[in-house]
């Protein structure tokens, strides 16, 4: 198994961020090796993270 983690430290959510986030999520969820994801938010530090899991590396 392999994972890819995206960590965002943001001051506010805007349309550019939403577009990027949806683009990443769409690509990942349609990947043939995609297994699932975990996510968390730290409101104090204004940080969020998403960890995507895959069966293996496809080159």
Protein backbone atom coordinates (compact mmCIF):
# COMPACT_ATOMS: atom_id res chain seq x y z
CA UNK A 1 0.00 0.00 0.00
CA UNK A 2 1.06 3.57 -0.64
CA UNK A 3 -0.39 6.86 0.55
CA UNK A 4 -0.36 10.45 -0.65
CA UNK A 5 -0.93 13.23 1.86
CA UNK A 6 -2.08 16.76 1.09
CA UNK A 7 -1.76 19.29 3.92
CA UNK A 8 -3.34 22.70 3.55
CA UNK A 9 -2.80 25.65 5.83
CA UNK A 10 -5.29 28.23 4.77
CA UNK A 11 -6.50 31.57 5.96
CA UNK A 12 -9.81 31.30 4.15
CA UNK A 13 -11.51 29.09 1.61
CA UNK A 14 -11.90 30.62 -1.82
CA UNK A 15 -12.95 29.39 -5.25
CA UNK A 16 -9.34 28.72 -6.33
CA UNK A 17 -8.82 26.41 -3.34
CA UNK A 18 -12.16 24.66 -3.86
CA UNK A 19 -11.33 24.07 -7.54
CA UNK A 20 -7.92 22.62 -6.69
CA UNK A 21 -9.33 20.43 -3.92
CA UNK A 22 -12.12 19.04 -6.14
CA UNK A 23 -9.67 18.44 -8.98
CA UNK A 24 -7.35 16.40 -6.74
CA UNK A 25 -10.24 14.45 -5.24
CA UNK A 26 -11.77 13.66 -8.63
CA UNK A 27 -8.45 12.45 -10.07
CA UNK A 28 -7.66 10.31 -7.03
CA UNK A 29 -11.09 8.72 -6.64
CA UNK A 30 -11.06 7.65 -10.29
CA UNK A 31 -7.61 6.06 -10.04
CA UNK A 32 -7.77 2.25 -10.55
CA UNK A 33 -5.63 1.60 -7.44
CA UNK A 34 -7.59 3.93 -5.11
CA UNK A 35 -8.62 2.33 -1.79
CA UNK A 36 -9.96 5.22 0.29
CA UNK A 37 -9.05 8.30 2.28
CA UNK A 38 -8.76 9.79 5.76
CA UNK A 39 -8.97 13.47 6.60
CA UNK A 40 -8.65 15.75 9.58
CA UNK A 41 -8.97 19.42 10.44
CA UNK A 42 -7.23 21.40 13.18
CA UNK A 43 -9.32 24.54 13.62
CA UNK A 44 -6.86 26.15 16.05
CA UNK A 45 -4.03 26.01 13.52
CA UNK A 46 -6.32 26.39 10.49
CA UNK A 47 -4.81 23.25 8.99
CA UNK A 48 -6.47 20.42 7.13
CA UNK A 49 -5.08 17.20 5.73
CA UNK A 50 -6.29 14.47 3.42
CA UNK A 51 -4.52 11.12 3.11
CA UNK A 52 -5.34 9.05 0.02
CA UNK A 53 -4.55 5.32 -0.03
CA UNK A 54 -3.65 3.21 -3.04
CA UNK A 55 -2.96 -0.52 -3.53
CA UNK A 56 0.47 0.09 -5.08
CA UNK A 57 2.45 2.52 -7.19
CA UNK A 58 1.41 2.52 -10.84
CA UNK A 59 4.06 4.08 -13.02
